[in-house]
């Protein structure tokens, strides 16, 4: 079987398309993963601050503490 340069070009372009599609899928997957990590970090930060409402500047907390 002889080498057909036209067929080789089709194969390379198909391989390039697969590579590009895979790269785009990876980008989407990583963006999704980063969004989940950011959400988890923000939830953890929110939980840690909710344990100390005085750090959030909640004046109601301070008023309620003065009434013995």
PDB file of N, CA and C in Angstrom:
ATOM      1  N   UNK A   1       0.833  -1.153   0.000  1.00  0.00           N
ATOM      2  CA  UNK A   1       0.000   0.000   0.000  1.00  0.00           C
ATOM      3  C   UNK A   1       0.896   1.240   0.000  1.00  0.00           C
ATOM      4  N   UNK A   2       0.640   2.153  -0.870  1.00  0.00           N
ATOM      5  CA  UNK A   2       1.468   3.349  -1.026  1.00  0.00           C
ATOM      6  C   UNK A   2       0.998   4.444  -0.083  1.00  0.00           C
ATOM      7  N   UNK A   3       1.904   5.341   0.233  1.00  0.00           N
ATOM      8  CA  UNK A   3       1.592   6.484   1.085  1.00  0.00           C
ATOM      9  C   UNK A   3       0.769   7.489   0.303  1.00  0.00           C
ATOM     10  N   UNK A   4      -0.360   7.855   0.831  1.00  0.00           N
ATOM     11  CA  UNK A   4      -1.240   8.825   0.185  1.00  0.00           C
ATOM     12  C   UNK A   4      -1.236  10.104   1.027  1.00  0.00           C
ATOM     13  N   UNK A   5      -0.585  11.179   0.551  1.00  0.00           N
ATOM     14  CA  UNK A   5      -0.475  12.406   1.353  1.00  0.00           C
ATOM     15  C   UNK A   5      -1.827  13.046   1.659  1.00  0.00           C
ATOM     16  N   UNK A   6      -2.813  12.853   0.784  1.00  0.00           N
ATOM     17  CA  UNK A   6      -4.122  13.433   1.054  1.00  0.00           C
ATOM     18  C   UNK A   6      -4.769  12.763   2.272  1.00  0.00           C
ATOM     19  N   UNK A   7      -4.631  11.458   2.357  1.00  0.00           N
ATOM     20  CA  UNK A   7      -5.182  10.729   3.490  1.00  0.00           C
ATOM     21  C   UNK A   7      -4.459  11.131   4.775  1.00  0.00           C
ATOM     22  N   UNK A   8      -3.155  11.330   4.692  1.00  0.00           N
ATOM     23  CA  UNK A   8      -2.378  11.725   5.869  1.00  0.00           C
ATOM     24  C   UNK A   8      -2.840  13.088   6.375  1.00  0.00           C
ATOM     25  N   UNK A   9      -3.172  13.991   5.484  1.00  0.00           N
ATOM     26  CA  UNK A   9      -3.670  15.302   5.888  1.00  0.00           C
ATOM     27  C   UNK A   9      -4.999  15.190   6.600  1.00  0.00           C
ATOM     28  N   UNK A  10      -5.884  14.330   6.118  1.00  0.00           N
ATOM     29  CA  UNK A  10      -7.175  14.128   6.767  1.00  0.00           C
ATOM     30  C   UNK A  10      -6.997  13.535   8.163  1.00  0.00           C
ATOM     31  N   UNK A  11      -6.062  12.607   8.265  1.00  0.00           N
ATOM     32  CA  UNK A  11      -5.817  11.977   9.553  1.00  0.00           C
ATOM     33  C   UNK A  11      -5.280  13.004  10.547  1.00  0.00           C
ATOM     34  N   UNK A  12      -4.339  13.843  10.090  1.00  0.00           N
ATOM     35  CA  UNK A  12      -3.771  14.853  10.988  1.00  0.00           C
ATOM     36  C   UNK A  12      -4.821  15.868  11.412  1.00  0.00           C
ATOM     37  N   UNK A  13      -5.679  16.277  10.487  1.00  0.00           N
ATOM     38  CA  UNK A  13      -6.695  17.257  10.859  1.00  0.00           C
ATOM     39  C   UNK A  13      -7.716  16.628  11.815  1.00  0.00           C
ATOM     40  N   UNK A  14      -8.037  15.359  11.614  1.00  0.00           N
ATOM     41  CA  UNK A  14      -8.957  14.677  12.530  1.00  0.00           C
ATOM     42  C   UNK A  14      -8.321  14.550  13.911  1.00  0.00           C
ATOM     43  N   UNK A  15      -7.044  14.230  13.943  1.00  0.00           N
ATOM     44  CA  UNK A  15      -6.332  14.119  15.212  1.00  0.00           C
ATOM     45  C   UNK A  15      -6.251  15.488  15.884  1.00  0.00           C
ATOM     46  N   UNK A  16      -6.026  16.531  15.105  1.00  0.00           N
ATOM     47  CA  UNK A  16      -5.984  17.883  15.652  1.00  0.00           C
ATOM     48  C   UNK A  16      -7.345  18.281  16.225  1.00  0.00           C
ATOM     49  N   UNK A  17      -8.406  17.895  15.534  1.00  0.00           N
ATOM     50  CA  UNK A  17      -9.751  18.208  16.024  1.00  0.00           C
ATOM     51  C   UNK A  17     -10.029  17.480  17.333  1.00  0.00           C
ATOM     52  N   UNK A  18      -9.622  16.218  17.408  1.00  0.00           N
ATOM     53  CA  UNK A  18      -9.804  15.465  18.652  1.00  0.00           C
ATOM     54  C   UNK A  18      -9.011  16.103  19.788  1.00  0.00           C
ATOM     55  N   UNK A  19      -7.771  16.491  19.486  1.00  0.00           N
ATOM     56  CA  UNK A  19      -6.923  17.127  20.484  1.00  0.00           C
ATOM     57  C   UNK A  19      -7.542  18.442  20.971  1.00  0.00           C
ATOM     58  N   UNK A  20      -8.041  19.233  20.039  1.00  0.00           N
ATOM     59  CA  UNK A  20      -8.659  20.510  20.390  1.00  0.00           C
ATOM     60  C   UNK A  20      -9.933  20.301  21.217  1.00  0.00           C
ATOM     61  N   UNK A  21     -10.736  19.319  20.831  1.00  0.00           N
ATOM     62  CA  UNK A  21     -11.957  19.019  21.584  1.00  0.00           C
ATOM     63  C   UNK A  21     -11.600  18.564  23.003  1.00  0.00           C
ATOM     64  N   UNK A  22     -10.597  17.720  23.108  1.00  0.00           N
ATOM     65  CA  UNK A  22     -10.156  17.239  24.421  1.00  0.00           C
ATOM     66  C   UNK A  22      -9.628  18.397  25.267  1.00  0.00           C
ATOM     67  N   UNK A  23      -8.885  19.295  24.657  1.00  0.00           N
ATOM     68  CA  UNK A  23      -8.341  20.452  25.365  1.00  0.00           C
ATOM     69  C   UNK A  23      -9.486  21.332  25.890  1.00  0.00           C
ATOM     70  N   UNK A  24     -10.508  21.553  25.058  1.00  0.00           N
ATOM     71  CA  UNK A  24     -11.660  22.350  25.495  1.00  0.00           C
ATOM     72  C   UNK A  24     -12.418  21.666  26.623  1.00  0.00           C
ATOM     73  N   UNK A  25     -12.575  20.349  26.534  1.00  0.00           N
ATOM     74  CA  UNK A  25     -13.233  19.609  27.615  1.00  0.00           C
ATOM     75  C   UNK A  25     -12.436  19.726  28.909  1.00  0.00           C
ATOM     76  N   UNK A  26     -11.113  19.637  28.801  1.00  0.00           N
ATOM     77  CA  UNK A  26     -10.266  19.769  29.986  1.00  0.00           C
ATOM     78  C   UNK A  26     -10.388  21.157  30.597  1.00  0.00           C
ATOM     79  N   UNK A  27     -10.452  22.193  29.760  1.00  0.00           N
ATOM     80  CA  UNK A  27     -10.607  23.555  30.262  1.00  0.00           C
ATOM     81  C   UNK A  27     -11.923  23.703  31.013  1.00  0.00           C
ATOM     82  N   UNK A  28     -12.994  23.168  30.449  1.00  0.00           N
ATOM     83  CA  UNK A  28     -14.299  23.236  31.117  1.00  0.00           C
ATOM     84  C   UNK A  28     -14.271  22.487  32.440  1.00  0.00           C
ATOM     85  N   UNK A  29     -13.659  21.308  32.428  1.00  0.00           N
ATOM     86  CA  UNK A  29     -13.580  20.490  33.635  1.00  0.00           C
ATOM     87  C   UNK A  29     -12.793  21.210  34.729  1.00  0.00           C
ATOM     88  N   UNK A  30     -11.684  21.830  34.362  1.00  0.00           N
ATOM     89  CA  UNK A  30     -10.866  22.532  35.347  1.00  0.00           C
ATOM     90  C   UNK A  30     -11.572  23.779  35.861  1.00  0.00           C
ATOM     91  N   UNK A  31     -12.294  24.479  34.997  1.00  0.00           N
ATOM     92  CA  UNK A  31     -13.051  25.650  35.444  1.00  0.00           C
ATOM     93  C   UNK A  31     -14.123  25.224  36.438  1.00  0.00           C
ATOM     94  N   UNK A  32     -14.784  24.122  36.170  1.00  0.00           N
ATOM     95  CA  UNK A  32     -15.806  23.601  37.069  1.00  0.00           C
ATOM     96  C   UNK A  32     -15.186  23.203  38.405  1.00  0.00           C
ATOM     97  N   UNK A  33     -14.049  22.544  38.343  1.00  0.00           N
ATOM     98  CA  UNK A  33     -13.366  22.119  39.567  1.00  0.00           C
ATOM     99  C   UNK A  33     -12.931  23.326  40.404  1.00  0.00           C
ATOM    100  N   UNK A  34     -12.412  24.376  39.728  1.00  0.00           N
ATOM    101  CA  UNK A  34     -12.016  25.585  40.449  1.00  0.00           C
ATOM    102  C   UNK A  34     -13.223  26.264  41.087  1.00  0.00           C
ATOM    103  N   UNK A  35     -14.344  26.277  40.383  1.00  0.00           N
ATOM    104  CA  UNK A  35     -15.559  26.879  40.935  1.00  0.00           C
ATOM    105  C   UNK A  35     -16.006  26.134  42.187  1.00  0.00           C
ATOM    106  N   UNK A  36     -15.934  24.825  42.167  1.00  0.00           N
ATOM    107  CA  UNK A  36     -16.303  24.031  43.345  1.00  0.00           C
ATOM    108  C   UNK A  36     -15.353  24.326  44.496  1.00  0.00           C
ATOM    109  N   UNK A  37     -14.058  24.387  44.217  1.00  0.00           N
ATOM    110  CA  UNK A  37     -13.083  24.671  45.267  1.00  0.00           C
ATOM    111  C   UNK A  37     -13.293  26.059  45.848  1.00  0.00           C
ATOM    112  N   UNK A  38     -13.565  27.052  44.989  1.00  0.00           N
ATOM    113  CA  UNK A  38     -13.825  28.408  45.473  1.00  0.00           C
ATOM    114  C   UNK A  38     -15.067  28.437  46.357  1.00  0.00           C
ATOM    115  N   UNK A  39     -16.091  27.718  45.953  1.00  0.00           N
ATOM    116  CA  UNK A  39     -17.326  27.665  46.742  1.00  0.00           C
ATOM    117  C   UNK A  39     -17.062  27.033  48.106  1.00  0.00           C
ATOM    118  N   UNK A  40     -16.331  25.938  48.115  1.00  0.00           N
ATOM    119  CA  UNK A  40     -16.031  25.271  49.393  1.00  0.00           C
ATOM    120  C   UNK A  40     -15.203  26.168  50.298  1.00  0.00           C
ATOM    121  N   UNK A  41     -14.230  26.868  49.725  1.00  0.00           N
ATOM    122  CA  UNK A  41     -13.418  27.778  50.530  1.00  0.00           C
ATOM    123  C   UNK A  41     -14.268  28.908  51.097  1.00  0.00           C
ATOM    124  N   UNK A  42     -15.167  29.450  50.296  1.00  0.00           N
ATOM    125  CA  UNK A  42     -16.019  30.538  50.785  1.00  0.00           C
ATOM    126  C   UNK A  42     -16.965  30.036  51.872  1.00  0.00           C
ATOM    127  N   UNK A  43     -17.458  28.808  51.736  1.00  0.00           N
ATOM    128  CA  UNK A  43     -18.325  28.240  52.769  1.00  0.00           C
ATOM    129  C   UNK A  43     -17.548  28.021  54.060  1.00  0.00           C
ATOM    130  N   UNK A  44     -16.323  27.551  53.961  1.00  0.00           N
ATOM    131  CA  UNK A  44     -15.500  27.343  55.152  1.00  0.00           C
ATOM    132  C   UNK A  44     -15.185  28.678  55.822  1.00  0.00           C
ATOM    133  N   UNK A  45     -14.890  29.682  55.031  1.00  0.00           N
ATOM    134  CA  UNK A  45     -14.613  31.007  55.579  1.00  0.00           C
ATOM    135  C   UNK A  45     -15.857  31.574  56.256  1.00  0.00           C
ATOM    136  N   UNK A  46     -16.992  31.427  55.621  1.00  0.00           N
ATOM    137  CA  UNK A  46     -18.250  31.896  56.200  1.00  0.00           C
ATOM    138  C   UNK A  46     -18.534  31.181  57.520  1.00  0.00           C
ATOM    139  N   UNK A  47     -18.296  29.896  57.559  1.00  0.00           N
ATOM    140  CA  UNK A  47     -18.526  29.133  58.788  1.00  0.00           C
ATOM    141  C   UNK A  47     -17.586  29.586  59.897  1.00  0.00           C
ATOM    142  N   UNK A  48     -16.343  29.864  59.552  1.00  0.00           N
ATOM    143  CA  UNK A  48     -15.409  30.291  60.586  1.00  0.00           C
ATOM    144  C   UNK A  48     -15.762  31.670  61.122  1.00  0.00           C
ATOM    145  N   UNK A  49     -16.280  32.557  60.282  1.00  0.00           N
ATOM    146  CA  UNK A  49     -16.672  33.882  60.763  1.00  0.00           C
ATOM    147  C   UNK A  49     -17.997  33.841  61.513  1.00  0.00           C
ATOM    148  N   UNK A  50     -18.854  32.919  61.188  1.00  0.00           N
ATOM    149  CA  UNK A  50     -20.125  32.855  61.902  1.00  0.00           C
ATOM    150  C   UNK A  50     -19.925  32.414  63.349  1.00  0.00           C
ATOM    151  N   UNK A  51     -18.790  31.785  63.625  1.00  0.00           N
ATOM    152  CA  UNK A  51     -18.464  31.424  65.004  1.00  0.00           C
ATOM    153  C   UNK A  51     -18.077  32.652  65.826  1.00  0.00           C
ATOM    154  N   UNK A  52     -17.660  33.739  65.146  1.00  0.00           N
ATOM    155  CA  UNK A  52     -17.222  34.964  65.807  1.00  0.00           C
ATOM    156  C   UNK A  52     -17.933  36.159  65.190  1.00  0.00           C
ATOM    157  N   UNK A  53     -19.188  36.377  65.547  1.00  0.00           N
ATOM    158  CA  UNK A  53     -19.955  37.455  64.904  1.00  0.00           C
ATOM    159  C   UNK A  53     -19.370  38.843  65.163  1.00  0.00           C
ATOM    160  N   UNK A  54     -18.607  39.007  66.240  1.00  0.00           N
ATOM    161  CA  UNK A  54     -18.007  40.316  66.500  1.00  0.00           C
ATOM    162  C   UNK A  54     -16.997  40.707  65.420  1.00  0.00           C
ATOM    163  N   UNK A  55     -16.436  39.733  64.756  1.00  0.00           N
ATOM    164  CA  UNK A  55     -15.505  40.031  63.672  1.00  0.00           C
ATOM    165  C   UNK A  55     -16.217  40.546  62.428  1.00  0.00           C
ATOM    166  N   UNK A  56     -17.483  40.252  62.309  1.00  0.00           N
ATOM    167  CA  UNK A  56     -18.251  40.702  61.159  1.00  0.00           C
ATOM    168  C   UNK A  56     -18.801  42.105  61.366  1.00  0.00           C
ATOM    169  N   UNK A  57     -18.637  42.672  62.565  1.00  0.00           N
ATOM    170  CA  UNK A  57     -19.115  44.009  62.831  1.00  0.00           C
ATOM    171  C   UNK A  57     -20.608  44.061  63.079  1.00  0.00           C
ATOM    172  N   UNK A  58     -21.162  43.000  63.602  1.00  0.00           N
ATOM    173  CA  UNK A  58     -22.590  42.973  63.881  1.00  0.00           C
ATOM    174  C   UNK A  58     -22.834  43.722  65.185  1.00  0.00           C
ATOM    175  N   UNK A  59     -23.424  44.903  65.086  1.00  0.00           N
ATOM    176  CA  UNK A  59     -23.642  45.722  66.269  1.00  0.00           C
ATOM    177  C   UNK A  59     -24.717  45.129  67.160  1.00  0.00           C
ATOM    178  N   UNK A  60     -25.662  44.395  66.617  1.00  0.00           N
ATOM    179  CA  UNK A  60     -26.698  43.764  67.429  1.00  0.00           C
ATOM    180  C   UNK A  60     -26.095  42.785  68.432  1.00  0.00           C
ATOM    181  N   UNK A  61     -25.049  42.118  68.017  1.00  0.00           N
ATOM    182  CA  UNK A  61     -24.372  41.174  68.899  1.00  0.00           C
ATOM    183  C   UNK A  61     -23.800  41.924  70.103  1.00  0.00           C
ATOM    184  N   UNK A  62     -23.159  43.058  69.837  1.00  0.00           N
ATOM    185  CA  UNK A  62     -22.553  43.829  70.913  1.00  0.00           C
ATOM    186  C   UNK A  62     -23.624  44.393  71.852  1.00  0.00           C
ATOM    187  N   UNK A  63     -24.727  44.837  71.322  1.00  0.00           N
ATOM    188  CA  UNK A  63     -25.818  45.380  72.149  1.00  0.00           C
ATOM    189  C   UNK A  63     -26.401  44.279  73.040  1.00  0.00           C
ATOM    190  N   UNK A  64     -26.563  43.094  72.469  1.00  0.00           N
ATOM    191  CA  UNK A  64     -27.143  42.019  73.259  1.00  0.00           C
ATOM    192  C   UNK A  64     -26.196  41.552  74.356  1.00  0.00           C
ATOM    193  N   UNK A  65     -24.909  41.713  74.189  1.00  0.00           N
ATOM    194  CA  UNK A  65     -23.947  41.307  75.195  1.00  0.00           C
ATOM    195  C   UNK A  65     -23.899  42.284  76.356  1.00  0.00           C
ATOM    196  N   UNK A  66     -24.301  43.536  76.168  1.00  0.00           N
ATOM    197  CA  UNK A  66     -24.250  44.540  77.233  1.00  0.00           C
ATOM    198  C   UNK A  66     -25.426  44.406  78.193  1.00  0.00           C
ATOM    199  N   UNK A  67     -26.451  43.711  77.806  1.00  0.00           N
ATOM    200  CA  UNK A  67     -27.619  43.545  78.664  1.00  0.00           C
ATOM    201  C   UNK A  67     -27.415  42.293  79.504  1.00  0.00           C
ATOM    202  N   UNK A  68     -26.982  42.467  80.692  1.00  0.00           N
ATOM    203  CA  UNK A  68     -26.682  41.327  81.558  1.00  0.00           C
ATOM    204  C   UNK A  68     -27.920  40.795  82.148  1.00  0.00           C
TER     205      UNK A  68
END
